[in-house]
Amino acid sequence: MANSKRRKGQQYTRQVRASIKTFLRGIEFAPKAEIFAHVRADDSLVDLCPSERMRVASTVMRSPVFLSFTTVNVVGERVQTLWRVNESYEEFKPFKKD
């Protein structure tokens, strides 16, 4: 990846997505604030600064990999959006050309 023209954060999208998946599989679902706190504190992403981790995490938190749903009950002053992993989604893995 040394000659890549992509931003540094874009080169780590798979690692950040894997970190979030591992976290959510351990607790089933969580609000975005907890997910971002986990990514910010994740020691496996040492090449990215905490603000870049947050930026990458906000871009990968999308469907179809992650699914969001709102709570029925009011938490604080409003309903809360929670996120979980879409286990039926299979990530695209391109064939490597020889």
PDB file of N, CA and C in Angstrom:
ATOM      1  N   MET A   1       0.810  -1.197   0.000  1.00  0.00           N
ATOM      2  CA  MET A   1       0.000   0.000   0.000  1.00  0.00           C
ATOM      3  C   MET A   1       0.856   1.266   0.000  1.00  0.00           C
ATOM      4  N   ALA A   2       2.144   1.141  -0.154  1.00  0.00           N
ATOM      5  CA  ALA A   2       3.035   2.292  -0.060  1.00  0.00           C
ATOM      6  C   ALA A   2       2.808   3.285  -1.198  1.00  0.00           C
ATOM      7  N   ASN A   3       2.474   2.802  -2.379  1.00  0.00           N
ATOM      8  CA  ASN A   3       2.296   3.687  -3.530  1.00  0.00           C
ATOM      9  C   ASN A   3       0.843   4.061  -3.773  1.00  0.00           C
ATOM     10  N   SER A   4      -0.001   3.788  -2.838  1.00  0.00           N
ATOM     11  CA  SER A   4      -1.422   4.046  -3.006  1.00  0.00           C
ATOM     12  C   SER A   4      -1.726   5.537  -2.932  1.00  0.00           C
ATOM     13  N   LYS A   5      -2.685   5.978  -3.732  1.00  0.00           N
ATOM     14  CA  LYS A   5      -3.111   7.373  -3.746  1.00  0.00           C
ATOM     15  C   LYS A   5      -4.251   7.630  -2.773  1.00  0.00           C
ATOM     16  N   ARG A   6      -4.714   6.589  -2.083  1.00  0.00           N
ATOM     17  CA  ARG A   6      -5.830   6.741  -1.155  1.00  0.00           C
ATOM     18  C   ARG A   6      -5.358   7.406   0.127  1.00  0.00           C
ATOM     19  N   ARG A   7      -6.273   8.100   0.791  1.00  0.00           N
ATOM     20  CA  ARG A   7      -5.958   8.679   2.095  1.00  0.00           C
ATOM     21  C   ARG A   7      -5.628   7.570   3.077  1.00  0.00           C
ATOM     22  N   LYS A   8      -4.860   7.912   4.079  1.00  0.00           N
ATOM     23  CA  LYS A   8      -4.450   6.905   5.056  1.00  0.00           C
ATOM     24  C   LYS A   8      -5.653   6.246   5.718  1.00  0.00           C
ATOM     25  N   GLY A   9      -6.665   7.038   6.053  1.00  0.00           N
ATOM     26  CA  GLY A   9      -7.861   6.484   6.674  1.00  0.00           C
ATOM     27  C   GLY A   9      -8.583   5.500   5.781  1.00  0.00           C
ATOM     28  N   GLN A  10      -8.592   5.759   4.466  1.00  0.00           N
ATOM     29  CA  GLN A  10      -9.260   4.858   3.533  1.00  0.00           C
ATOM     30  C   GLN A  10      -8.562   3.511   3.458  1.00  0.00           C
ATOM     31  N   GLN A  11      -7.271   3.494   3.722  1.00  0.00           N
ATOM     32  CA  GLN A  11      -6.525   2.242   3.677  1.00  0.00           C
ATOM     33  C   GLN A  11      -6.854   1.345   4.870  1.00  0.00           C
ATOM     34  N   TYR A  12      -7.464   1.905   5.912  1.00  0.00           N
ATOM     35  CA  TYR A  12      -7.756   1.152   7.120  1.00  0.00           C
ATOM     36  C   TYR A  12      -9.246   0.904   7.326  1.00  0.00           C
ATOM     37  N   THR A  13     -10.060   1.049   6.291  1.00  0.00           N
ATOM     38  CA  THR A  13     -11.494   0.846   6.472  1.00  0.00           C
ATOM     39  C   THR A  13     -11.824  -0.585   6.885  1.00  0.00           C
ATOM     40  N   ARG A  14     -11.165  -1.567   6.320  1.00  0.00           N
ATOM     41  CA  ARG A  14     -11.437  -2.966   6.674  1.00  0.00           C
ATOM     42  C   ARG A  14     -11.068  -3.247   8.128  1.00  0.00           C
ATOM     43  N   GLN A  15      -9.952  -2.686   8.598  1.00  0.00           N
ATOM     44  CA  GLN A  15      -9.536  -2.913   9.977  1.00  0.00           C
ATOM     45  C   GLN A  15     -10.489  -2.246  10.955  1.00  0.00           C
ATOM     46  N   VAL A  16     -10.924  -1.025  10.636  1.00  0.00           N
ATOM     47  CA  VAL A  16     -11.863  -0.329  11.517  1.00  0.00           C
ATOM     48  C   VAL A  16     -13.198  -1.057  11.531  1.00  0.00           C
ATOM     49  N   ARG A  17     -13.665  -1.487  10.361  1.00  0.00           N
ATOM     50  CA  ARG A  17     -14.924  -2.235  10.283  1.00  0.00           C
ATOM     51  C   ARG A  17     -14.825  -3.529  11.091  1.00  0.00           C
ATOM     52  N   ALA A  18     -13.702  -4.227  11.005  1.00  0.00           N
ATOM     53  CA  ALA A  18     -13.517  -5.465  11.766  1.00  0.00           C
ATOM     54  C   ALA A  18     -13.509  -5.189  13.264  1.00  0.00           C
ATOM     55  N   SER A  19     -12.906  -4.093  13.673  1.00  0.00           N
ATOM     56  CA  SER A  19     -12.882  -3.721  15.086  1.00  0.00           C
ATOM     57  C   SER A  19     -14.295  -3.460  15.608  1.00  0.00           C
ATOM     58  N   ILE A  20     -15.089  -2.755  14.824  1.00  0.00           N
ATOM     59  CA  ILE A  20     -16.468  -2.457  15.220  1.00  0.00           C
ATOM     60  C   ILE A  20     -17.298  -3.743  15.269  1.00  0.00           C
ATOM     61  N   LYS A  21     -17.107  -4.622  14.290  1.00  0.00           N
ATOM     62  CA  LYS A  21     -17.841  -5.890  14.276  1.00  0.00           C
ATOM     63  C   LYS A  21     -17.518  -6.720  15.513  1.00  0.00           C
ATOM     64  N   THR A  22     -16.246  -6.793  15.874  1.00  0.00           N
ATOM     65  CA  THR A  22     -15.839  -7.551  17.057  1.00  0.00           C
ATOM     66  C   THR A  22     -16.483  -6.974  18.310  1.00  0.00           C
ATOM     67  N   PHE A  23     -16.475  -5.656  18.423  1.00  0.00           N
ATOM     68  CA  PHE A  23     -17.077  -4.992  19.575  1.00  0.00           C
ATOM     69  C   PHE A  23     -18.576  -5.274  19.655  1.00  0.00           C
ATOM     70  N   LEU A  24     -19.289  -5.120  18.535  1.00  0.00           N
ATOM     71  CA  LEU A  24     -20.737  -5.316  18.544  1.00  0.00           C
ATOM     72  C   LEU A  24     -21.136  -6.772  18.742  1.00  0.00           C
ATOM     73  N   ARG A  25     -20.333  -7.696  18.260  1.00  0.00           N
ATOM     74  CA  ARG A  25     -20.660  -9.108  18.483  1.00  0.00           C
ATOM     75  C   ARG A  25     -20.520  -9.473  19.953  1.00  0.00           C
ATOM     76  N   GLY A  26     -19.680  -8.750  20.671  1.00  0.00           N
ATOM     77  CA  GLY A  26     -19.515  -9.011  22.095  1.00  0.00           C
ATOM     78  C   GLY A  26     -20.668  -8.496  22.936  1.00  0.00           C
ATOM     79  N   ILE A  27     -21.345  -7.422  22.478  1.00  0.00           N
ATOM     80  CA  ILE A  27     -22.431  -6.847  23.278  1.00  0.00           C
ATOM     81  C   ILE A  27     -23.770  -6.823  22.544  1.00  0.00           C
ATOM     82  N   GLU A  28     -23.806  -7.299  21.311  1.00  0.00           N
ATOM     83  CA  GLU A  28     -25.011  -7.432  20.486  1.00  0.00           C
ATOM     84  C   GLU A  28     -25.447  -6.140  19.800  1.00  0.00           C
ATOM     85  N   PHE A  29     -25.636  -5.036  20.537  1.00  0.00           N
ATOM     86  CA  PHE A  29     -25.970  -3.754  19.921  1.00  0.00           C
ATOM     87  C   PHE A  29     -25.507  -2.628  20.839  1.00  0.00           C
ATOM     88  N   ALA A  30     -25.298  -1.432  20.231  1.00  0.00           N
ATOM     89  CA  ALA A  30     -24.803  -0.296  21.007  1.00  0.00           C
ATOM     90  C   ALA A  30     -25.129   1.004  20.280  1.00  0.00           C
ATOM     91  N   PRO A  31     -25.208   2.125  21.003  1.00  0.00           N
ATOM     92  CA  PRO A  31     -25.369   3.426  20.345  1.00  0.00           C
ATOM     93  C   PRO A  31     -24.045   3.857  19.713  1.00  0.00           C
ATOM     94  N   LYS A  32     -24.109   4.801  18.789  1.00  0.00           N
ATOM     95  CA  LYS A  32     -22.926   5.269  18.078  1.00  0.00           C
ATOM     96  C   LYS A  32     -21.865   5.818  19.028  1.00  0.00           C
ATOM     97  N   ALA A  33     -22.272   6.482  20.090  1.00  0.00           N
ATOM     98  CA  ALA A  33     -21.306   7.067  21.026  1.00  0.00           C
ATOM     99  C   ALA A  33     -20.423   5.986  21.651  1.00  0.00           C
ATOM    100  N   GLU A  34     -21.003   4.858  22.015  1.00  0.00           N
ATOM    101  CA  GLU A  34     -20.216   3.762  22.589  1.00  0.00           C
ATOM    102  C   GLU A  34     -19.300   3.135  21.545  1.00  0.00           C
ATOM    103  N   ILE A  35     -19.787   3.015  20.322  1.00  0.00           N
ATOM    104  CA  ILE A  35     -18.973   2.451  19.244  1.00  0.00           C
ATOM    105  C   ILE A  35     -17.778   3.357  18.967  1.00  0.00           C
ATOM    106  N   PHE A  36     -18.019   4.661  18.892  1.00  0.00           N
ATOM    107  CA  PHE A  36     -16.929   5.604  18.644  1.00  0.00           C
ATOM    108  C   PHE A  36     -15.932   5.604  19.798  1.00  0.00           C
ATOM    109  N   ALA A  37     -16.399   5.467  21.031  1.00  0.00           N
ATOM    110  CA  ALA A  37     -15.495   5.404  22.183  1.00  0.00           C
ATOM    111  C   ALA A  37     -14.606   4.162  22.093  1.00  0.00           C
ATOM    112  N   HIS A  38     -15.182   3.046  21.644  1.00  0.00           N
ATOM    113  CA  HIS A  38     -14.397   1.822  21.473  1.00  0.00           C
ATOM    114  C   HIS A  38     -13.329   2.009  20.399  1.00  0.00           C
ATOM    115  N   VAL A  39     -13.712   2.563  19.255  1.00  0.00           N
ATOM    116  CA  VAL A  39     -12.768   2.756  18.150  1.00  0.00           C
ATOM    117  C   VAL A  39     -11.658   3.724  18.568  1.00  0.00           C
ATOM    118  N   ARG A  40     -12.029   4.773  19.279  1.00  0.00           N
ATOM    119  CA  ARG A  40     -11.035   5.752  19.729  1.00  0.00           C
ATOM    120  C   ARG A  40     -10.001   5.105  20.656  1.00  0.00           C
ATOM    121  N   ALA A  41     -10.421   4.150  21.473  1.00  0.00           N
ATOM    122  CA  ALA A  41      -9.534   3.510  22.442  1.00  0.00           C
ATOM    123  C   ALA A  41      -8.904   2.210  21.940  1.00  0.00           C
ATOM    124  N   ASP A  42      -9.212   1.792  20.713  1.00  0.00           N
ATOM    125  CA  ASP A  42      -8.723   0.514  20.193  1.00  0.00           C
ATOM    126  C   ASP A  42      -7.217   0.580  19.920  1.00  0.00           C
ATOM    127  N   ASP A  43      -6.460  -0.294  20.587  1.00  0.00           N
ATOM    128  CA  ASP A  43      -5.004  -0.298  20.444  1.00  0.00           C
ATOM    129  C   ASP A  43      -4.525  -1.003  19.177  1.00  0.00           C
ATOM    130  N   SER A  44      -5.396  -1.726  18.503  1.00  0.00           N
ATOM    131  CA  SER A  44      -4.979  -2.420  17.285  1.00  0.00           C
ATOM    132  C   SER A  44      -4.880  -1.474  16.092  1.00  0.00           C
ATOM    133  N   LEU A  45      -5.385  -0.263  16.214  1.00  0.00           N
ATOM    134  CA  LEU A  45      -5.345   0.730  15.127  1.00  0.00           C
ATOM    135  C   LEU A  45      -4.300   1.799  15.421  1.00  0.00           C
ATOM    136  N   VAL A  46      -3.080   1.373  15.722  1.00  0.00           N
ATOM    137  CA  VAL A  46      -2.039   2.304  16.165  1.00  0.00           C
ATOM    138  C   VAL A  46      -1.592   3.268  15.059  1.00  0.00           C
ATOM    139  N   ASP A  47      -1.745   2.902  13.793  1.00  0.00           N
ATOM    140  CA  ASP A  47      -1.297   3.764  12.700  1.00  0.00           C
ATOM    141  C   ASP A  47      -2.217   4.949  12.456  1.00  0.00           C
ATOM    142  N   LEU A  48      -3.424   4.913  13.004  1.00  0.00           N
ATOM    143  CA  LEU A  48      -4.379   6.009  12.823  1.00  0.00           C
ATOM    144  C   LEU A  48      -4.488   6.819  14.109  1.00  0.00           C
ATOM    145  N   CYS A  49      -4.509   8.141  13.973  1.00  0.00           N
ATOM    146  CA  CYS A  49      -4.721   8.981  15.152  1.00  0.00           C
ATOM    147  C   CYS A  49      -6.195   8.861  15.568  1.00  0.00           C
ATOM    148  N   PRO A  50      -6.525   9.174  16.824  1.00  0.00           N
ATOM    149  CA  PRO A  50      -7.914   9.006  17.291  1.00  0.00           C
ATOM    150  C   PRO A  50      -8.952   9.750  16.462  1.00  0.00           C
ATOM    151  N   SER A  51      -8.636  10.940  15.990  1.00  0.00           N
ATOM    152  CA  SER A  51      -9.622  11.675  15.187  1.00  0.00           C
ATOM    153  C   SER A  51      -9.837  11.018  13.829  1.00  0.00           C
ATOM    154  N   GLU A  52      -8.803  10.449  13.260  1.00  0.00           N
ATOM    155  CA  GLU A  52      -8.938   9.743  11.981  1.00  0.00           C
ATOM    156  C   GLU A  52      -9.713   8.440  12.172  1.00  0.00           C
ATOM    157  N   ARG A  53      -9.524   7.782  13.298  1.00  0.00           N
ATOM    158  CA  ARG A  53     -10.305   6.569  13.603  1.00  0.00           C
ATOM    159  C   ARG A  53     -11.789   6.900  13.651  1.00  0.00           C
ATOM    160  N   MET A  54     -12.114   8.023  14.278  1.00  0.00           N
ATOM    161  CA  MET A  54     -13.510   8.448  14.392  1.00  0.00           C
ATOM    162  C   MET A  54     -14.095   8.748  13.008  1.00  0.00           C
ATOM    163  N   ARG A  55     -13.312   9.416  12.161  1.00  0.00           N
ATOM    164  CA  ARG A  55     -13.782   9.755  10.821  1.00  0.00           C
ATOM    165  C   ARG A  55     -14.042   8.492  10.008  1.00  0.00           C
ATOM    166  N   VAL A  56     -13.117   7.545  10.063  1.00  0.00           N
ATOM    167  CA  VAL A  56     -13.285   6.290   9.321  1.00  0.00           C
ATOM    168  C   VAL A  56     -14.472   5.506   9.878  1.00  0.00           C
ATOM    169  N   ALA A  57     -14.616   5.472  11.190  1.00  0.00           N
ATOM    170  CA  ALA A  57     -15.739   4.754  11.801  1.00  0.00           C
ATOM    171  C   ALA A  57     -17.070   5.344  11.375  1.00  0.00           C
ATOM    172  N   SER A  58     -17.144   6.669  11.268  1.00  0.00           N
ATOM    173  CA  SER A  58     -18.412   7.280  10.857  1.00  0.00           C
ATOM    174  C   SER A  58     -18.736   6.977   9.399  1.00  0.00           C
ATOM    175  N   THR A  59     -17.722   6.729   8.574  1.00  0.00           N
ATOM    176  CA  THR A  59     -17.993   6.401   7.173  1.00  0.00           C
ATOM    177  C   THR A  59     -18.348   4.928   6.978  1.00  0.00           C
ATOM    178  N   VAL A  60     -17.845   4.031   7.832  1.00  0.00           N
ATOM    179  CA  VAL A  60     -18.143   2.605   7.646  1.00  0.00           C
ATOM    180  C   VAL A  60     -19.418   2.168   8.347  1.00  0.00           C
ATOM    181  N   MET A  61     -19.972   2.992   9.217  1.00  0.00           N
ATOM    182  CA  MET A  61     -21.199   2.634   9.944  1.00  0.00           C
ATOM    183  C   MET A  61     -22.416   2.819   9.041  1.00  0.00           C
ATOM    184  N   ARG A  62     -22.539   1.953   8.060  1.00  0.00           N
ATOM    185  CA  ARG A  62     -23.627   2.050   7.090  1.00  0.00           C
ATOM    186  C   ARG A  62     -24.188   0.669   6.795  1.00  0.00           C
ATOM    187  N   SER A  63     -25.361   0.679   6.237  1.00  0.00           N
ATOM    188  CA  SER A  63     -25.986  -0.539   5.764  1.00  0.00           C
ATOM    189  C   SER A  63     -25.262  -0.949   4.480  1.00  0.00           C
ATOM    190  N   PRO A  64     -25.115  -2.157   4.139  1.00  0.00           N
ATOM    191  CA  PRO A  64     -25.695  -3.384   4.662  1.00  0.00           C
ATOM    192  C   PRO A  64     -24.839  -4.068   5.730  1.00  0.00           C
ATOM    193  N   VAL A  65     -23.638  -3.573   6.014  1.00  0.00           N
ATOM    194  CA  VAL A  65     -22.777  -4.226   6.999  1.00  0.00           C
ATOM    195  C   VAL A  65     -23.346  -4.069   8.403  1.00  0.00           C
ATOM    196  N   PHE A  66     -23.815  -2.860   8.716  1.00  0.00           N
ATOM    197  CA  PHE A  66     -24.388  -2.580  10.034  1.00  0.00           C
ATOM    198  C   PHE A  66     -25.830  -2.131   9.868  1.00  0.00           C
ATOM    199  N   LEU A  67     -26.678  -2.562  10.779  1.00  0.00           N
ATOM    200  CA  LEU A  67     -28.081  -2.191  10.735  1.00  0.00           C
ATOM    201  C   LEU A  67     -28.406  -1.334  11.960  1.00  0.00           C
ATOM    202  N   SER A  68     -29.225  -0.317  11.753  1.00  0.00           N
ATOM    203  CA  SER A  68     -29.629   0.532  12.871  1.00  0.00           C
ATOM    204  C   SER A  68     -31.114   0.351  13.139  1.00  0.00           C
ATOM    205  N   PHE A  69     -31.489   0.571  14.385  1.00  0.00           N
ATOM    206  CA  PHE A  69     -32.898   0.546  14.766  1.00  0.00           C
ATOM    207  C   PHE A  69     -33.081   1.503  15.928  1.00  0.00           C
ATOM    208  N   THR A  70     -34.273   2.038  16.044  1.00  0.00           N
ATOM    209  CA  THR A  70     -34.549   2.984  17.128  1.00  0.00           C
ATOM    210  C   THR A  70     -35.266   2.271  18.268  1.00  0.00           C
ATOM    211  N   THR A  71     -35.033   2.763  19.469  1.00  0.00           N
ATOM    212  CA  THR A  71     -35.678   2.171  20.642  1.00  0.00           C
ATOM    213  C   THR A  71     -37.130   2.624  20.699  1.00  0.00           C
ATOM    214  N   VAL A  72     -37.959   1.804  21.280  1.00  0.00           N
ATOM    215  CA  VAL A  72     -39.370   2.148  21.446  1.00  0.00           C
ATOM    216  C   VAL A  72     -39.536   3.117  22.604  1.00  0.00           C
ATOM    217  N   ASN A  73     -38.791   2.888  23.672  1.00  0.00           N
ATOM    218  CA  ASN A  73     -38.882   3.738  24.853  1.00  0.00           C
ATOM    219  C   ASN A  73     -38.006   4.974  24.706  1.00  0.00           C
ATOM    220  N   VAL A  74     -38.377   6.025  25.371  1.00  0.00           N
ATOM    221  CA  VAL A  74     -37.606   7.263  25.356  1.00  0.00           C
ATOM    222  C   VAL A  74     -36.441   7.120  26.337  1.00  0.00           C
ATOM    223  N   VAL A  75     -35.239   7.431  25.857  1.00  0.00           N
ATOM    224  CA  VAL A  75     -34.043   7.419  26.695  1.00  0.00           C
ATOM    225  C   VAL A  75     -33.609   8.874  26.846  1.00  0.00           C
ATOM    226  N   GLY A  76     -33.710   9.401  28.043  1.00  0.00           N
ATOM    227  CA  GLY A  76     -33.438  10.824  28.220  1.00  0.00           C
ATOM    228  C   GLY A  76     -34.618  11.622  27.710  1.00  0.00           C
ATOM    229  N   GLU A  77     -34.411  12.398  26.659  1.00  0.00           N
ATOM    230  CA  GLU A  77     -35.478  13.213  26.098  1.00  0.00           C
ATOM    231  C   GLU A  77     -36.006  12.704  24.765  1.00  0.00           C
ATOM    232  N   ARG A  78     -35.349  11.689  24.194  1.00  0.00           N
ATOM    233  CA  ARG A  78     -35.799  11.197  22.880  1.00  0.00           C
ATOM    234  C   ARG A  78     -35.479   9.715  22.717  1.00  0.00           C
ATOM    235  N   VAL A  79     -35.945   9.141  21.629  1.00  0.00           N
ATOM    236  CA  VAL A  79     -35.629   7.746  21.347  1.00  0.00           C
ATOM    237  C   VAL A  79     -34.157   7.650  20.950  1.00  0.00           C
ATOM    238  N   GLN A  80     -33.594   6.476  21.108  1.00  0.00           N
ATOM    239  CA  GLN A  80     -32.179   6.292  20.828  1.00  0.00           C
ATOM    240  C   GLN A  80     -32.007   5.344  19.654  1.00  0.00           C
ATOM    241  N   THR A  81     -31.020   5.619  18.793  1.00  0.00           N
ATOM    242  CA  THR A  81     -30.702   4.743  17.671  1.00  0.00           C
ATOM    243  C   THR A  81     -29.578   3.813  18.086  1.00  0.00           C
ATOM    244  N   LEU A  82     -29.805   2.520  17.927  1.00  0.00           N
ATOM    245  CA  LEU A  82     -28.810   1.509  18.259  1.00  0.00           C
ATOM    246  C   LEU A  82     -28.351   0.818  16.987  1.00  0.00           C
ATOM    247  N   TRP A  83     -27.131   0.292  17.008  1.00  0.00           N
ATOM    248  CA  TRP A  83     -26.534  -0.357  15.847  1.00  0.00           C
ATOM    249  C   TRP A  83     -26.178  -1.790  16.179  1.00  0.00           C
ATOM    250  N   ARG A  84     -26.268  -2.658  15.155  1.00  0.00           N
ATOM    251  CA  ARG A  84     -25.858  -4.053  15.303  1.00  0.00           C
ATOM    252  C   ARG A  84     -25.253  -4.528  13.992  1.00  0.00           C
ATOM    253  N   VAL A  85     -24.590  -5.680  14.032  1.00  0.00           N
ATOM    254  CA  VAL A  85     -23.952  -6.252  12.850  1.00  0.00           C
ATOM    255  C   VAL A  85     -24.981  -7.041  12.051  1.00  0.00           C
ATOM    256  N   ASN A  86     -24.989  -6.867  10.752  1.00  0.00           N
ATOM    257  CA  ASN A  86     -25.846  -7.646   9.872  1.00  0.00           C
ATOM    258  C   ASN A  86     -25.108  -8.954   9.561  1.00  0.00           C
ATOM    259  N   GLU A  87     -25.449 -10.005  10.274  1.00  0.00           N
ATOM    260  CA  GLU A  87     -24.745 -11.282  10.140  1.00  0.00           C
ATOM    261  C   GLU A  87     -24.987 -11.957   8.789  1.00  0.00           C
ATOM    262  N   SER A  88     -26.047 -11.607   8.099  1.00  0.00           N
ATOM    263  CA  SER A  88     -26.326 -12.236   6.806  1.00  0.00           C
ATOM    264  C   SER A  88     -25.539 -11.591   5.659  1.00  0.00           C
ATOM    265  N   TYR A  89     -24.844 -10.485   5.936  1.00  0.00           N
ATOM    266  CA  TYR A  89     -24.062  -9.810   4.893  1.00  0.00           C
ATOM    267  C   TYR A  89     -22.688 -10.456   4.757  1.00  0.00           C
ATOM    268  N   GLU A  90     -22.305 -10.764   3.525  1.00  0.00           N
ATOM    269  CA  GLU A  90     -20.978 -11.307   3.259  1.00  0.00           C
ATOM    270  C   GLU A  90     -20.164 -10.237   2.554  1.00  0.00           C
ATOM    271  N   GLU A  91     -19.006  -9.937   3.110  1.00  0.00           N
ATOM    272  CA  GLU A  91     -18.167  -8.879   2.556  1.00  0.00           C
ATOM    273  C   GLU A  91     -17.553  -9.314   1.237  1.00  0.00           C
ATOM    274  N   PHE A  92     -17.474  -8.380   0.300  1.00  0.00           N
ATOM    275  CA  PHE A  92     -16.905  -8.637  -1.018  1.00  0.00           C
ATOM    276  C   PHE A  92     -15.400  -8.787  -0.898  1.00  0.00           C
ATOM    277  N   LYS A  93     -14.884  -9.875  -1.436  1.00  0.00           N
ATOM    278  CA  LYS A  93     -13.430 -10.104  -1.462  1.00  0.00           C
ATOM    279  C   LYS A  93     -13.025 -10.312  -2.916  1.00  0.00           C
ATOM    280  N   PRO A  94     -12.382  -9.314  -3.501  1.00  0.00           N
ATOM    281  CA  PRO A  94     -12.033  -9.432  -4.920  1.00  0.00           C
ATOM    282  C   PRO A  94     -10.963 -10.492  -5.168  1.00  0.00           C
ATOM    283  N   PHE A  95     -11.005 -11.072  -6.368  1.00  0.00           N
ATOM    284  CA  PHE A  95      -9.981 -12.036  -6.768  1.00  0.00           C
ATOM    285  C   PHE A  95      -8.707 -11.269  -7.057  1.00  0.00           C
ATOM    286  N   LYS A  96      -7.599 -11.858  -6.648  1.00  0.00           N
ATOM    287  CA  LYS A  96      -6.312 -11.233  -6.958  1.00  0.00           C
ATOM    288  C   LYS A  96      -5.856 -11.741  -8.307  1.00  0.00           C
ATOM    289  N   LYS A  97      -5.426 -10.797  -9.156  1.00  0.00           N
ATOM    290  CA  LYS A  97      -4.935 -11.180 -10.479  1.00  0.00           C
ATOM    291  C   LYS A  97      -3.495 -11.646 -10.366  1.00  0.00           C
ATOM    292  N   ASP A  98      -3.178 -12.692 -11.132  1.00  0.00           N
ATOM    293  CA  ASP A  98      -1.808 -13.213 -11.111  1.00  0.00           C
ATOM    294  C   ASP A  98      -0.940 -12.464 -12.072  1.00  0.00           C
TER     295      ASP A  98
END
